[in-house]
Amino acid sequence: MHKSHLILVFLILSILTGTTSLFAQGGDDDLIQFSGVVITGDSLSPVPFTNVLIENTDKGTMTDYYGYFSFVAQKGDSILFSSIGYERRRFIIPDTLTINRYSLIQILDKDTITLRETVIYPWPTREQFKQAFLAMEIPETDFDRAQRNLYQADMIARMDAAMPSGGETFKYSMQQYQQQIYYAGQAPPINVLNPVAWAQFVKAWKRGDFSSDRKRGGQ
């Protein structure tokens, strides 16, 4: 068991058994020793530093780290328990007590405070907000950015400016070396006389791949 819970049990037992009265003399019949422990309602853990005050007066005390309190009060006093984060509780000491001591285990429930929504605007007046709203430029969408990034002229320029990677350079070198080995001991073919190369050239020319506009877009 946790040390704090052991201390809490000890304090509760002490309260229930009571203490020796300090006000047994005549003339102090209304004075009592008011003691107790303040705990939470959900986990029964002590609530330290809770204000325990006699209502409408400046008399009272504060609970210690283990939620224990003890002070002199009078029969019929209204005791107010308050702590940050917990709901306030009020307890009235019975005025029909026949002994000069009274013990209490006070339970406090957690208090949830809901604040109203507050919206802060950078414009001090509605007129300035209206002007700023009308002058606001609508941000571009993901489609606009994708269309700009995939613009053909920009893509060609990026492709021309891009440096070959290490893998591409190695692949090109190996293809050149393989071609040299393949045609070793004989004359390599002349692509000027290759009909397939001429057919590809004619198709590219018809598509306009060699037009001046395309060249300017790639610069």
N, C-alpha and C. Protein backbone atom coordinates (compact mmCIF):
# COMPACT_ATOMS: atom_id res chain seq x y z
N MET A 1 0.84 -1.20 0.00
CA MET A 1 0.00 0.00 0.00
C MET A 1 0.88 1.25 0.00
N HIS A 2 0.46 2.26 -0.69
CA HIS A 2 1.24 3.48 -0.81
C HIS A 2 1.36 4.16 0.55
N LYS A 3 2.47 4.85 0.74
CA LYS A 3 2.73 5.49 2.03
C LYS A 3 1.67 6.51 2.37
N SER A 4 1.24 7.30 1.36
CA SER A 4 0.24 8.33 1.62
C SER A 4 -1.09 7.72 2.04
N HIS A 5 -1.46 6.56 1.47
CA HIS A 5 -2.70 5.89 1.86
C HIS A 5 -2.61 5.35 3.28
N LEU A 6 -1.43 4.87 3.69
CA LEU A 6 -1.27 4.41 5.06
C LEU A 6 -1.45 5.55 6.05
N ILE A 7 -0.87 6.69 5.71
CA ILE A 7 -1.01 7.85 6.58
C ILE A 7 -2.46 8.30 6.63
N LEU A 8 -3.16 8.24 5.49
CA LEU A 8 -4.56 8.63 5.44
C LEU A 8 -5.40 7.72 6.33
N VAL A 9 -5.16 6.42 6.29
CA VAL A 9 -5.90 5.49 7.15
C VAL A 9 -5.63 5.78 8.62
N PHE A 10 -4.38 6.09 8.94
CA PHE A 10 -4.04 6.41 10.33
C PHE A 10 -4.76 7.66 10.81
N LEU A 11 -4.83 8.67 9.94
CA LEU A 11 -5.52 9.89 10.32
C LEU A 11 -7.01 9.65 10.53
N ILE A 12 -7.61 8.85 9.64
CA ILE A 12 -9.04 8.56 9.79
C ILE A 12 -9.32 7.82 11.09
N LEU A 13 -8.46 6.86 11.43
CA LEU A 13 -8.64 6.14 12.69
C LEU A 13 -8.48 7.05 13.89
N SER A 14 -7.53 7.99 13.79
CA SER A 14 -7.33 8.94 14.88
C SER A 14 -8.55 9.82 15.05
N ILE A 15 -9.14 10.22 13.92
CA ILE A 15 -10.32 11.08 14.00
C ILE A 15 -11.49 10.34 14.62
N LEU A 16 -11.68 9.09 14.21
CA LEU A 16 -12.81 8.32 14.70
C LEU A 16 -12.68 8.01 16.19
N THR A 17 -11.48 7.78 16.66
CA THR A 17 -11.29 7.50 18.08
C THR A 17 -11.39 8.75 18.93
N GLY A 18 -11.12 9.93 18.31
CA GLY A 18 -11.25 11.19 19.04
C GLY A 18 -10.00 11.52 19.83
N THR A 19 -9.93 12.73 20.33
CA THR A 19 -8.81 13.21 21.13
C THR A 19 -9.33 13.74 22.45
N THR A 20 -8.42 13.94 23.31
CA THR A 20 -8.79 14.44 24.64
C THR A 20 -9.28 15.87 24.54
N SER A 21 -10.35 16.18 25.18
CA SER A 21 -10.94 17.52 25.10
C SER A 21 -10.07 18.53 25.83
N LEU A 22 -9.97 19.73 25.21
CA LEU A 22 -9.22 20.82 25.82
C LEU A 22 -10.15 21.87 26.41
N PHE A 23 -11.45 21.62 26.29
CA PHE A 23 -12.40 22.64 26.70
C PHE A 23 -13.44 22.05 27.67
N ALA A 24 -12.96 21.35 28.64
CA ALA A 24 -13.86 20.72 29.60
C ALA A 24 -14.26 21.66 30.72
N GLN A 25 -13.67 22.84 30.75
CA GLN A 25 -13.96 23.77 31.82
C GLN A 25 -15.29 24.46 31.58
N GLY A 26 -15.86 25.00 32.61
CA GLY A 26 -17.13 25.70 32.50
C GLY A 26 -17.00 26.95 31.68
N GLY A 27 -18.08 27.32 30.95
CA GLY A 27 -18.10 28.52 30.13
C GLY A 27 -17.68 28.26 28.71
N ASP A 28 -17.17 27.08 28.39
CA ASP A 28 -16.71 26.75 27.04
C ASP A 28 -17.53 25.60 26.47
N ASP A 29 -18.77 25.50 26.81
CA ASP A 29 -19.59 24.38 26.37
C ASP A 29 -19.82 24.39 24.86
N ASP A 30 -19.83 25.58 24.23
CA ASP A 30 -20.08 25.66 22.79
C ASP A 30 -18.83 25.43 21.96
N LEU A 31 -17.66 25.46 22.57
CA LEU A 31 -16.42 25.26 21.83
C LEU A 31 -16.15 23.77 21.65
N ILE A 32 -15.74 23.42 20.45
CA ILE A 32 -15.41 22.02 20.16
C ILE A 32 -14.11 21.97 19.36
N GLN A 33 -13.47 20.82 19.41
CA GLN A 33 -12.30 20.57 18.58
C GLN A 33 -12.79 19.89 17.31
N PHE A 34 -12.77 20.64 16.21
CA PHE A 34 -13.30 20.15 14.94
C PHE A 34 -12.13 19.63 14.10
N SER A 35 -12.14 18.34 13.81
CA SER A 35 -11.04 17.69 13.08
C SER A 35 -11.62 16.86 11.94
N GLY A 36 -10.75 16.55 11.00
CA GLY A 36 -11.22 15.72 9.89
C GLY A 36 -10.19 15.56 8.79
N VAL A 37 -10.62 14.90 7.75
CA VAL A 37 -9.79 14.65 6.57
C VAL A 37 -10.61 14.99 5.33
N VAL A 38 -9.98 15.66 4.37
CA VAL A 38 -10.62 16.00 3.10
C VAL A 38 -10.05 15.07 2.02
N ILE A 39 -10.94 14.35 1.34
CA ILE A 39 -10.51 13.39 0.33
C ILE A 39 -11.31 13.61 -0.96
N THR A 40 -10.83 13.01 -2.05
CA THR A 40 -11.52 13.11 -3.32
C THR A 40 -12.63 12.08 -3.39
N GLY A 41 -13.63 12.37 -4.23
CA GLY A 41 -14.76 11.47 -4.33
C GLY A 41 -14.53 10.28 -5.23
N ASP A 42 -13.56 10.37 -6.14
CA ASP A 42 -13.35 9.28 -7.09
C ASP A 42 -12.31 8.27 -6.62
N SER A 43 -11.18 8.76 -6.11
CA SER A 43 -10.09 7.85 -5.73
C SER A 43 -9.84 7.83 -4.23
N LEU A 44 -10.59 8.63 -3.46
CA LEU A 44 -10.41 8.70 -2.01
C LEU A 44 -9.00 9.10 -1.63
N SER A 45 -8.37 9.90 -2.47
CA SER A 45 -7.04 10.42 -2.18
C SER A 45 -7.16 11.72 -1.40
N PRO A 46 -6.21 12.02 -0.53
CA PRO A 46 -6.29 13.26 0.24
C PRO A 46 -6.17 14.49 -0.65
N VAL A 47 -6.85 15.55 -0.26
CA VAL A 47 -6.78 16.82 -0.99
C VAL A 47 -5.96 17.78 -0.13
N PRO A 48 -4.70 17.98 -0.44
CA PRO A 48 -3.87 18.84 0.40
C PRO A 48 -4.19 20.31 0.21
N PHE A 49 -3.91 21.08 1.28
CA PHE A 49 -3.99 22.54 1.25
C PHE A 49 -5.39 23.04 0.89
N THR A 50 -6.39 22.35 1.41
CA THR A 50 -7.78 22.79 1.23
C THR A 50 -8.12 23.84 2.28
N ASN A 51 -8.79 24.90 1.86
CA ASN A 51 -9.22 25.94 2.79
C ASN A 51 -10.43 25.44 3.58
N VAL A 52 -10.31 25.47 4.89
CA VAL A 52 -11.41 25.08 5.79
C VAL A 52 -11.70 26.29 6.67
N LEU A 53 -12.74 27.04 6.32
CA LEU A 53 -13.02 28.31 6.98
C LEU A 53 -14.42 28.31 7.55
N ILE A 54 -14.56 29.05 8.67
CA ILE A 54 -15.89 29.30 9.22
C ILE A 54 -16.53 30.39 8.37
N GLU A 55 -17.68 30.11 7.81
CA GLU A 55 -18.32 31.02 6.87
C GLU A 55 -18.58 32.38 7.50
N ASN A 56 -18.34 33.44 6.69
CA ASN A 56 -18.54 34.84 7.08
C ASN A 56 -17.58 35.29 8.17
N THR A 57 -16.49 34.56 8.35
CA THR A 57 -15.44 34.96 9.29
C THR A 57 -14.09 34.71 8.63
N ASP A 58 -13.05 35.18 9.33
CA ASP A 58 -11.70 34.92 8.85
C ASP A 58 -11.02 33.83 9.66
N LYS A 59 -11.81 33.03 10.33
CA LYS A 59 -11.27 31.97 11.17
C LYS A 59 -11.33 30.64 10.42
N GLY A 60 -10.35 29.82 10.68
CA GLY A 60 -10.30 28.52 10.05
C GLY A 60 -8.88 28.02 9.94
N THR A 61 -8.65 27.13 9.01
CA THR A 61 -7.33 26.56 8.84
C THR A 61 -7.20 26.02 7.43
N MET A 62 -6.12 25.30 7.20
CA MET A 62 -5.86 24.68 5.90
C MET A 62 -5.38 23.26 6.14
N THR A 63 -5.81 22.35 5.28
CA THR A 63 -5.38 20.96 5.44
C THR A 63 -3.90 20.82 5.13
N ASP A 64 -3.28 19.83 5.74
CA ASP A 64 -1.87 19.59 5.45
C ASP A 64 -1.72 18.76 4.18
N TYR A 65 -0.53 18.25 3.96
CA TYR A 65 -0.25 17.50 2.73
C TYR A 65 -1.11 16.25 2.63
N TYR A 66 -1.53 15.71 3.77
CA TYR A 66 -2.32 14.48 3.78
C TYR A 66 -3.81 14.75 3.94
N GLY A 67 -4.23 16.01 3.78
CA GLY A 67 -5.64 16.36 3.84
C GLY A 67 -6.21 16.48 5.23
N TYR A 68 -5.38 16.46 6.26
CA TYR A 68 -5.86 16.51 7.64
C TYR A 68 -5.97 17.95 8.11
N PHE A 69 -6.99 18.21 8.95
CA PHE A 69 -7.17 19.54 9.55
C PHE A 69 -7.72 19.37 10.96
N SER A 70 -7.51 20.39 11.77
CA SER A 70 -8.03 20.41 13.13
C SER A 70 -7.96 21.83 13.66
N PHE A 71 -9.05 22.35 14.15
CA PHE A 71 -9.08 23.69 14.75
C PHE A 71 -10.29 23.80 15.67
N VAL A 72 -10.32 24.89 16.41
CA VAL A 72 -11.38 25.12 17.38
C VAL A 72 -12.54 25.83 16.69
N ALA A 73 -13.74 25.31 16.85
CA ALA A 73 -14.94 25.91 16.28
C ALA A 73 -16.04 25.89 17.33
N GLN A 74 -17.22 26.33 16.93
CA GLN A 74 -18.36 26.33 17.83
C GLN A 74 -19.49 25.50 17.25
N LYS A 75 -20.35 25.02 18.13
CA LYS A 75 -21.51 24.28 17.68
C LYS A 75 -22.39 25.18 16.82
N GLY A 76 -22.87 24.65 15.71
CA GLY A 76 -23.73 25.41 14.81
C GLY A 76 -22.98 26.21 13.76
N ASP A 77 -21.63 26.23 13.81
CA ASP A 77 -20.86 26.96 12.79
C ASP A 77 -21.04 26.32 11.42
N SER A 78 -21.04 27.17 10.39
CA SER A 78 -21.10 26.71 9.01
C SER A 78 -19.68 26.70 8.45
N ILE A 79 -19.20 25.52 8.13
CA ILE A 79 -17.82 25.35 7.66
C ILE A 79 -17.82 25.25 6.14
N LEU A 80 -16.94 26.03 5.51
CA LEU A 80 -16.84 26.05 4.05
C LEU A 80 -15.52 25.41 3.63
N PHE A 81 -15.61 24.40 2.77
CA PHE A 81 -14.44 23.71 2.23
C PHE A 81 -14.26 24.14 0.77
N SER A 82 -13.06 24.61 0.44
CA SER A 82 -12.80 25.06 -0.94
C SER A 82 -11.37 24.73 -1.32
N SER A 83 -11.21 24.29 -2.56
CA SER A 83 -9.89 23.99 -3.11
C SER A 83 -9.95 24.16 -4.62
N ILE A 84 -8.87 24.63 -5.19
CA ILE A 84 -8.84 24.88 -6.63
C ILE A 84 -9.00 23.56 -7.39
N GLY A 85 -9.95 23.55 -8.33
CA GLY A 85 -10.21 22.36 -9.11
C GLY A 85 -11.28 21.46 -8.53
N TYR A 86 -11.88 21.86 -7.40
CA TYR A 86 -12.92 21.05 -6.76
C TYR A 86 -14.12 21.92 -6.43
N GLU A 87 -15.28 21.30 -6.38
CA GLU A 87 -16.49 22.02 -6.03
C GLU A 87 -16.50 22.34 -4.53
N ARG A 88 -17.04 23.52 -4.22
CA ARG A 88 -17.12 23.91 -2.81
C ARG A 88 -18.16 23.06 -2.08
N ARG A 89 -17.88 22.84 -0.80
CA ARG A 89 -18.81 22.11 0.05
C ARG A 89 -18.99 22.87 1.37
N ARG A 90 -20.21 22.80 1.88
CA ARG A 90 -20.54 23.47 3.14
C ARG A 90 -21.06 22.43 4.13
N PHE A 91 -20.57 22.55 5.36
CA PHE A 91 -21.00 21.62 6.41
C PHE A 91 -21.32 22.42 7.67
N ILE A 92 -22.45 22.11 8.28
CA ILE A 92 -22.87 22.79 9.51
C ILE A 92 -22.66 21.84 10.69
N ILE A 93 -21.87 22.32 11.64
CA ILE A 93 -21.62 21.50 12.83
C ILE A 93 -22.91 21.40 13.65
N PRO A 94 -23.32 20.22 14.00
CA PRO A 94 -24.57 20.08 14.77
C PRO A 94 -24.50 20.85 16.09
N ASP A 95 -25.59 21.52 16.44
CA ASP A 95 -25.64 22.27 17.70
C ASP A 95 -26.19 21.45 18.84
N THR A 96 -26.40 20.17 18.60
CA THR A 96 -26.93 19.27 19.64
C THR A 96 -25.86 18.32 20.17
N LEU A 97 -24.60 18.66 19.94
CA LEU A 97 -23.53 17.78 20.40
C LEU A 97 -23.47 17.76 21.92
N THR A 98 -23.19 16.61 22.45
CA THR A 98 -23.05 16.46 23.90
C THR A 98 -21.59 16.32 24.32
N ILE A 99 -20.69 16.26 23.32
CA ILE A 99 -19.26 16.19 23.60
C ILE A 99 -18.59 17.39 22.96
N ASN A 100 -17.36 17.66 23.37
CA ASN A 100 -16.66 18.84 22.89
C ASN A 100 -15.66 18.52 21.78
N ARG A 101 -15.98 17.56 20.98
CA ARG A 101 -15.14 17.26 19.81
C ARG A 101 -16.04 16.68 18.72
N TYR A 102 -15.59 16.91 17.47
CA TYR A 102 -16.37 16.40 16.34
C TYR A 102 -15.41 16.09 15.21
N SER A 103 -15.61 14.94 14.57
CA SER A 103 -14.73 14.48 13.49
C SER A 103 -15.55 14.34 12.21
N LEU A 104 -14.89 14.62 11.09
CA LEU A 104 -15.58 14.62 9.80
C LEU A 104 -14.65 14.12 8.70
N ILE A 105 -15.19 13.33 7.81
CA ILE A 105 -14.51 12.94 6.57
C ILE A 105 -15.25 13.63 5.43
N GLN A 106 -14.66 14.70 4.91
CA GLN A 106 -15.31 15.51 3.89
C GLN A 106 -14.84 15.09 2.50
N ILE A 107 -15.79 14.83 1.61
CA ILE A 107 -15.48 14.43 0.23
C ILE A 107 -15.69 15.62 -0.70
N LEU A 108 -14.71 15.87 -1.56
CA LEU A 108 -14.80 16.93 -2.56
C LEU A 108 -14.80 16.31 -3.96
N ASP A 109 -15.70 16.77 -4.78
CA ASP A 109 -15.78 16.32 -6.18
C ASP A 109 -15.06 17.30 -7.08
N LYS A 110 -14.42 16.78 -8.11
CA LYS A 110 -13.70 17.64 -9.05
C LYS A 110 -14.67 18.53 -9.81
N ASP A 111 -14.24 19.75 -10.03
CA ASP A 111 -15.08 20.75 -10.69
C ASP A 111 -14.54 21.00 -12.10
N THR A 112 -15.41 20.89 -13.09
CA THR A 112 -15.05 21.15 -14.49
C THR A 112 -15.66 22.48 -14.90
N ILE A 113 -14.81 23.41 -15.27
CA ILE A 113 -15.27 24.75 -15.66
C ILE A 113 -15.18 24.85 -17.18
N THR A 114 -16.30 25.14 -17.82
CA THR A 114 -16.36 25.30 -19.27
C THR A 114 -16.39 26.78 -19.60
N LEU A 115 -15.38 27.24 -20.32
CA LEU A 115 -15.29 28.64 -20.70
C LEU A 115 -15.90 28.84 -22.08
N ARG A 116 -16.46 30.01 -22.28
CA ARG A 116 -17.03 30.33 -23.58
C ARG A 116 -15.92 30.51 -24.61
N GLU A 117 -16.25 30.19 -25.85
CA GLU A 117 -15.26 30.30 -26.92
C GLU A 117 -14.95 31.76 -27.20
N THR A 118 -13.68 32.04 -27.33
CA THR A 118 -13.21 33.40 -27.62
C THR A 118 -12.40 33.36 -28.90
N VAL A 119 -12.80 34.16 -29.88
CA VAL A 119 -12.12 34.23 -31.17
C VAL A 119 -11.42 35.59 -31.26
N ILE A 120 -10.13 35.56 -31.50
CA ILE A 120 -9.33 36.78 -31.58
C ILE A 120 -9.03 37.06 -33.05
N TYR A 121 -9.39 38.25 -33.50
CA TYR A 121 -9.15 38.66 -34.87
C TYR A 121 -8.07 39.74 -34.90
N PRO A 122 -7.28 39.79 -35.98
CA PRO A 122 -6.25 40.83 -36.08
C PRO A 122 -6.77 42.18 -36.52
N TRP A 123 -8.08 42.28 -36.77
CA TRP A 123 -8.64 43.55 -37.23
C TRP A 123 -9.48 44.17 -36.12
N PRO A 124 -9.25 45.44 -35.80
CA PRO A 124 -9.97 46.07 -34.69
C PRO A 124 -11.42 46.41 -35.01
N THR A 125 -11.77 46.60 -36.28
CA THR A 125 -13.13 47.00 -36.64
C THR A 125 -13.66 46.09 -37.75
N ARG A 126 -14.99 46.11 -37.94
CA ARG A 126 -15.62 45.32 -38.99
C ARG A 126 -15.24 45.85 -40.38
N GLU A 127 -15.08 47.18 -40.49
CA GLU A 127 -14.73 47.77 -41.79
C GLU A 127 -13.36 47.28 -42.25
N GLN A 128 -12.40 47.26 -41.34
CA GLN A 128 -11.07 46.77 -41.71
C GLN A 128 -11.10 45.28 -42.04
N PHE A 129 -11.93 44.53 -41.34
CA PHE A 129 -12.07 43.11 -41.67
C PHE A 129 -12.65 42.93 -43.07
N LYS A 130 -13.65 43.76 -43.42
CA LYS A 130 -14.26 43.66 -44.74
C LYS A 130 -13.25 43.99 -45.83
N GLN A 131 -12.46 45.05 -45.63
CA GLN A 131 -11.45 45.42 -46.62
C GLN A 131 -10.40 44.31 -46.77
N ALA A 132 -9.96 43.76 -45.65
CA ALA A 132 -8.95 42.70 -45.72
C ALA A 132 -9.50 41.44 -46.38
N PHE A 133 -10.79 41.16 -46.13
CA PHE A 133 -11.40 39.97 -46.72
C PHE A 133 -11.55 40.12 -48.23
N LEU A 134 -11.96 41.32 -48.69
CA LEU A 134 -12.13 41.53 -50.12
C LEU A 134 -10.79 41.56 -50.85
N ALA A 135 -9.76 42.03 -50.19
CA ALA A 135 -8.43 42.10 -50.82
C ALA A 135 -7.63 40.82 -50.67
N MET A 136 -8.20 39.83 -50.02
CA MET A 136 -7.48 38.59 -49.76
C MET A 136 -7.33 37.79 -51.05
N GLU A 137 -6.14 37.27 -51.28
CA GLU A 137 -5.87 36.42 -52.43
C GLU A 137 -6.14 34.97 -52.05
N ILE A 138 -6.95 34.33 -52.86
CA ILE A 138 -7.30 32.93 -52.58
C ILE A 138 -6.07 32.05 -52.83
N PRO A 139 -5.66 31.28 -51.87
CA PRO A 139 -4.48 30.44 -52.07
C PRO A 139 -4.72 29.37 -53.13
N GLU A 140 -3.67 29.00 -53.81
CA GLU A 140 -3.79 28.00 -54.85
C GLU A 140 -4.07 26.63 -54.25
N THR A 141 -4.71 25.82 -55.04
CA THR A 141 -5.08 24.48 -54.60
C THR A 141 -3.98 23.48 -54.96
N ASP A 142 -4.14 22.27 -54.49
CA ASP A 142 -3.19 21.21 -54.83
C ASP A 142 -3.20 20.93 -56.33
N PHE A 143 -4.36 21.07 -56.96
CA PHE A 143 -4.44 20.84 -58.40
C PHE A 143 -3.65 21.90 -59.16
N ASP A 144 -3.75 23.17 -58.70
CA ASP A 144 -2.98 24.24 -59.35
C ASP A 144 -1.49 23.99 -59.23
N ARG A 145 -1.04 23.58 -58.06
CA ARG A 145 0.39 23.32 -57.89
C ARG A 145 0.85 22.13 -58.74
N ALA A 146 0.01 21.09 -58.81
CA ALA A 146 0.38 19.93 -59.63
C ALA A 146 0.42 20.29 -61.10
N GLN A 147 -0.54 21.12 -61.54
CA GLN A 147 -0.55 21.51 -62.95
C GLN A 147 0.67 22.36 -63.29
N ARG A 148 1.06 23.24 -62.38
CA ARG A 148 2.23 24.06 -62.62
C ARG A 148 3.50 23.22 -62.64
N ASN A 149 3.58 22.24 -61.75
CA ASN A 149 4.77 21.39 -61.69
C ASN A 149 4.89 20.49 -62.91
N LEU A 150 3.75 20.14 -63.50
CA LEU A 150 3.76 19.24 -64.65
C LEU A 150 3.66 19.98 -65.98
N TYR A 151 3.85 21.28 -65.97
CA TYR A 151 3.81 22.04 -67.21
C TYR A 151 4.92 21.53 -68.14
N GLN A 152 4.58 21.31 -69.40
CA GLN A 152 5.47 20.60 -70.31
C GLN A 152 6.80 21.32 -70.48
N ALA A 153 6.76 22.63 -70.68
CA ALA A 153 8.01 23.36 -70.89
C ALA A 153 8.91 23.28 -69.67
N ASP A 154 8.29 23.38 -68.47
CA ASP A 154 9.10 23.28 -67.25
C ASP A 154 9.68 21.88 -67.09
N MET A 155 8.90 20.87 -67.45
CA MET A 155 9.41 19.51 -67.33
C MET A 155 10.58 19.27 -68.27
N ILE A 156 10.49 19.82 -69.49
CA ILE A 156 11.60 19.67 -70.44
C ILE A 156 12.84 20.37 -69.93
N ALA A 157 12.65 21.58 -69.38
CA ALA A 157 13.79 22.32 -68.85
C ALA A 157 14.43 21.58 -67.69
N ARG A 158 13.60 21.02 -66.82
CA ARG A 158 14.14 20.27 -65.70
C ARG A 158 14.86 19.01 -66.17
N MET A 159 14.32 18.36 -67.19
CA MET A 159 14.94 17.15 -67.70
C MET A 159 16.31 17.45 -68.32
N ASP A 160 16.38 18.59 -69.05
CA ASP A 160 17.66 18.95 -69.66
C ASP A 160 18.68 19.36 -68.62
N ALA A 161 18.20 20.01 -67.55
CA ALA A 161 19.13 20.50 -66.54
C ALA A 161 19.52 19.43 -65.54
N ALA A 162 18.78 18.33 -65.51
CA ALA A 162 19.07 17.29 -64.53
C ALA A 162 20.33 16.53 -64.91
N MET A 163 21.16 16.28 -63.94
CA MET A 163 22.38 15.51 -64.15
C MET A 163 22.06 14.02 -64.02
N PRO A 164 22.70 13.20 -64.86
CA PRO A 164 22.45 11.75 -64.75
C PRO A 164 22.94 11.21 -63.41
N SER A 165 22.20 10.25 -62.92
CA SER A 165 22.57 9.64 -61.65
C SER A 165 23.71 8.64 -61.86
N GLY A 166 24.22 8.13 -60.75
CA GLY A 166 25.30 7.16 -60.84
C GLY A 166 24.87 5.89 -61.55
N GLY A 167 23.62 5.46 -61.29
CA GLY A 167 23.13 4.26 -61.94
C GLY A 167 22.97 4.43 -63.44
N GLU A 168 22.48 5.60 -63.86
CA GLU A 168 22.32 5.86 -65.29
C GLU A 168 23.67 5.92 -66.00
N THR A 169 24.64 6.58 -65.36
CA THR A 169 25.98 6.67 -65.96
C THR A 169 26.62 5.29 -66.10
N PHE A 170 26.47 4.45 -65.09
CA PHE A 170 27.02 3.10 -65.16
C PHE A 170 26.33 2.29 -66.26
N LYS A 171 25.01 2.42 -66.36
CA LYS A 171 24.27 1.68 -67.38
C LYS A 171 24.69 2.11 -68.78
N TYR A 172 24.86 3.42 -68.98
CA TYR A 172 25.28 3.91 -70.30
C TYR A 172 26.68 3.41 -70.64
N SER A 173 27.58 3.42 -69.66
CA SER A 173 28.95 2.96 -69.91
C SER A 173 28.97 1.47 -70.26
N MET A 174 28.18 0.69 -69.57
CA MET A 174 28.14 -0.74 -69.86
C MET A 174 27.54 -1.01 -71.23
N GLN A 175 26.55 -0.23 -71.64
CA GLN A 175 25.98 -0.40 -72.98
C GLN A 175 27.01 -0.07 -74.06
N GLN A 176 27.77 1.00 -73.83
CA GLN A 176 28.82 1.34 -74.80
C GLN A 176 29.88 0.24 -74.87
N TYR A 177 30.27 -0.27 -73.72
CA TYR A 177 31.27 -1.33 -73.69
C TYR A 177 30.74 -2.61 -74.35
N GLN A 178 29.48 -2.93 -74.10
CA GLN A 178 28.88 -4.11 -74.71
C GLN A 178 28.80 -3.97 -76.22
N GLN A 179 28.49 -2.76 -76.67
CA GLN A 179 28.40 -2.54 -78.12
C GLN A 179 29.77 -2.69 -78.78
N GLN A 180 30.81 -2.21 -78.09
CA GLN A 180 32.16 -2.36 -78.65
C GLN A 180 32.56 -3.83 -78.76
N ILE A 181 32.21 -4.61 -77.73
CA ILE A 181 32.53 -6.03 -77.78
C ILE A 181 31.72 -6.74 -78.86
N TYR A 182 30.47 -6.34 -79.03
CA TYR A 182 29.59 -7.00 -80.00
C TYR A 182 30.10 -6.81 -81.42
N TYR A 183 30.61 -5.61 -81.71
CA TYR A 183 31.08 -5.33 -83.07
C TYR A 183 32.60 -5.43 -83.17
N ALA A 184 33.24 -6.12 -82.24
CA ALA A 184 34.70 -6.26 -82.31
C ALA A 184 35.08 -7.09 -83.54
N GLY A 185 36.06 -6.61 -84.30
CA GLY A 185 36.54 -7.30 -85.48
C GLY A 185 35.73 -7.03 -86.72
N GLN A 186 34.73 -6.14 -86.68
CA GLN A 186 33.93 -5.82 -87.86
C GLN A 186 33.54 -4.35 -87.81
N ALA A 187 33.05 -3.88 -88.91
CA ALA A 187 32.67 -2.47 -88.99
C ALA A 187 31.32 -2.25 -88.33
N PRO A 188 31.19 -1.27 -87.43
CA PRO A 188 29.89 -1.00 -86.79
C PRO A 188 28.90 -0.44 -87.79
N PRO A 189 27.61 -0.64 -87.55
CA PRO A 189 26.61 -0.13 -88.50
C PRO A 189 26.57 1.39 -88.52
N ILE A 190 26.19 1.93 -89.67
CA ILE A 190 26.05 3.38 -89.85
C ILE A 190 24.56 3.72 -89.76
N ASN A 191 24.20 4.50 -88.73
CA ASN A 191 22.78 4.80 -88.51
C ASN A 191 22.18 5.70 -89.57
N VAL A 192 23.04 6.36 -90.34
CA VAL A 192 22.50 7.22 -91.40
C VAL A 192 21.78 6.37 -92.44
N LEU A 193 22.22 5.15 -92.60
CA LEU A 193 21.60 4.25 -93.56
C LEU A 193 20.58 3.31 -92.91
N ASN A 194 20.28 3.53 -91.65
CA ASN A 194 19.35 2.66 -90.92
C ASN A 194 17.91 3.11 -91.21
N PRO A 195 17.07 2.29 -91.86
CA PRO A 195 15.70 2.71 -92.18
C PRO A 195 14.84 2.92 -90.94
N VAL A 196 15.10 2.16 -89.88
CA VAL A 196 14.31 2.34 -88.64
C VAL A 196 14.58 3.70 -88.04
N ALA A 197 15.86 4.13 -88.04
CA ALA A 197 16.20 5.45 -87.50
C ALA A 197 15.56 6.55 -88.33
N TRP A 198 15.52 6.38 -89.66
CA TRP A 198 14.87 7.38 -90.52
C TRP A 198 13.37 7.44 -90.26
N ALA A 199 12.75 6.31 -90.04
CA ALA A 199 11.31 6.29 -89.74
C ALA A 199 11.01 7.01 -88.43
N GLN A 200 11.86 6.81 -87.42
CA GLN A 200 11.67 7.52 -86.16
C GLN A 200 11.88 9.02 -86.32
N PHE A 201 12.82 9.40 -87.15
CA PHE A 201 13.08 10.82 -87.39
C PHE A 201 11.89 11.49 -88.07
N VAL A 202 11.31 10.81 -89.05
CA VAL A 202 10.16 11.38 -89.76
C VAL A 202 8.97 11.55 -88.81
N LYS A 203 8.72 10.56 -87.95
CA LYS A 203 7.63 10.67 -87.00
C LYS A 203 7.84 11.83 -86.02
N ALA A 204 9.08 11.99 -85.55
CA ALA A 204 9.37 13.09 -84.64
C ALA A 204 9.21 14.44 -85.32
N TRP A 205 9.59 14.50 -86.58
CA TRP A 205 9.46 15.76 -87.32
C TRP A 205 7.99 16.11 -87.53
N LYS A 206 7.14 15.11 -87.82
CA LYS A 206 5.72 15.36 -87.99
C LYS A 206 5.06 15.78 -86.67
N ARG A 207 5.54 15.25 -85.58
CA ARG A 207 4.98 15.64 -84.28
C ARG A 207 5.38 17.05 -83.89
N GLY A 208 6.36 17.61 -84.53
CA GLY A 208 6.83 18.95 -84.19
C GLY A 208 7.85 18.96 -83.08
N ASP A 209 8.55 17.83 -82.89
CA ASP A 209 9.54 17.79 -81.82
C ASP A 209 10.71 18.74 -82.07
N PHE A 210 10.90 19.15 -83.29
CA PHE A 210 12.02 20.02 -83.61
C PHE A 210 11.58 21.45 -83.90
N SER A 211 10.36 21.82 -83.48
CA SER A 211 9.86 23.18 -83.73
C SER A 211 10.59 24.16 -82.83
N SER A 212 10.54 25.44 -83.23
CA SER A 212 11.24 26.49 -82.48
C SER A 212 10.59 26.74 -81.13
N ASP A 213 9.23 26.58 -81.03
CA ASP A 213 8.55 26.81 -79.75
C ASP A 213 8.99 25.80 -78.71
N ARG A 214 9.16 24.58 -79.12
CA ARG A 214 9.59 23.54 -78.18
C ARG A 214 11.00 23.79 -77.70
N LYS A 215 11.85 24.27 -78.63
CA LYS A 215 13.22 24.57 -78.24
C LYS A 215 13.26 25.71 -77.23
N ARG A 216 12.41 26.74 -77.44
CA ARG A 216 12.40 27.85 -76.48
C ARG A 216 11.86 27.39 -75.13
N GLY A 217 10.91 26.48 -75.13
CA GLY A 217 10.38 26.00 -73.86
C GLY A 217 11.39 25.21 -73.08
N GLY A 218 12.35 24.59 -73.74
CA GLY A 218 13.34 23.79 -73.04
C GLY A 218 14.51 24.59 -72.55
N GLN A 219 14.60 25.87 -72.92
CA GLN A 219 15.74 26.67 -72.49
C GLN A 219 15.54 27.12 -71.06
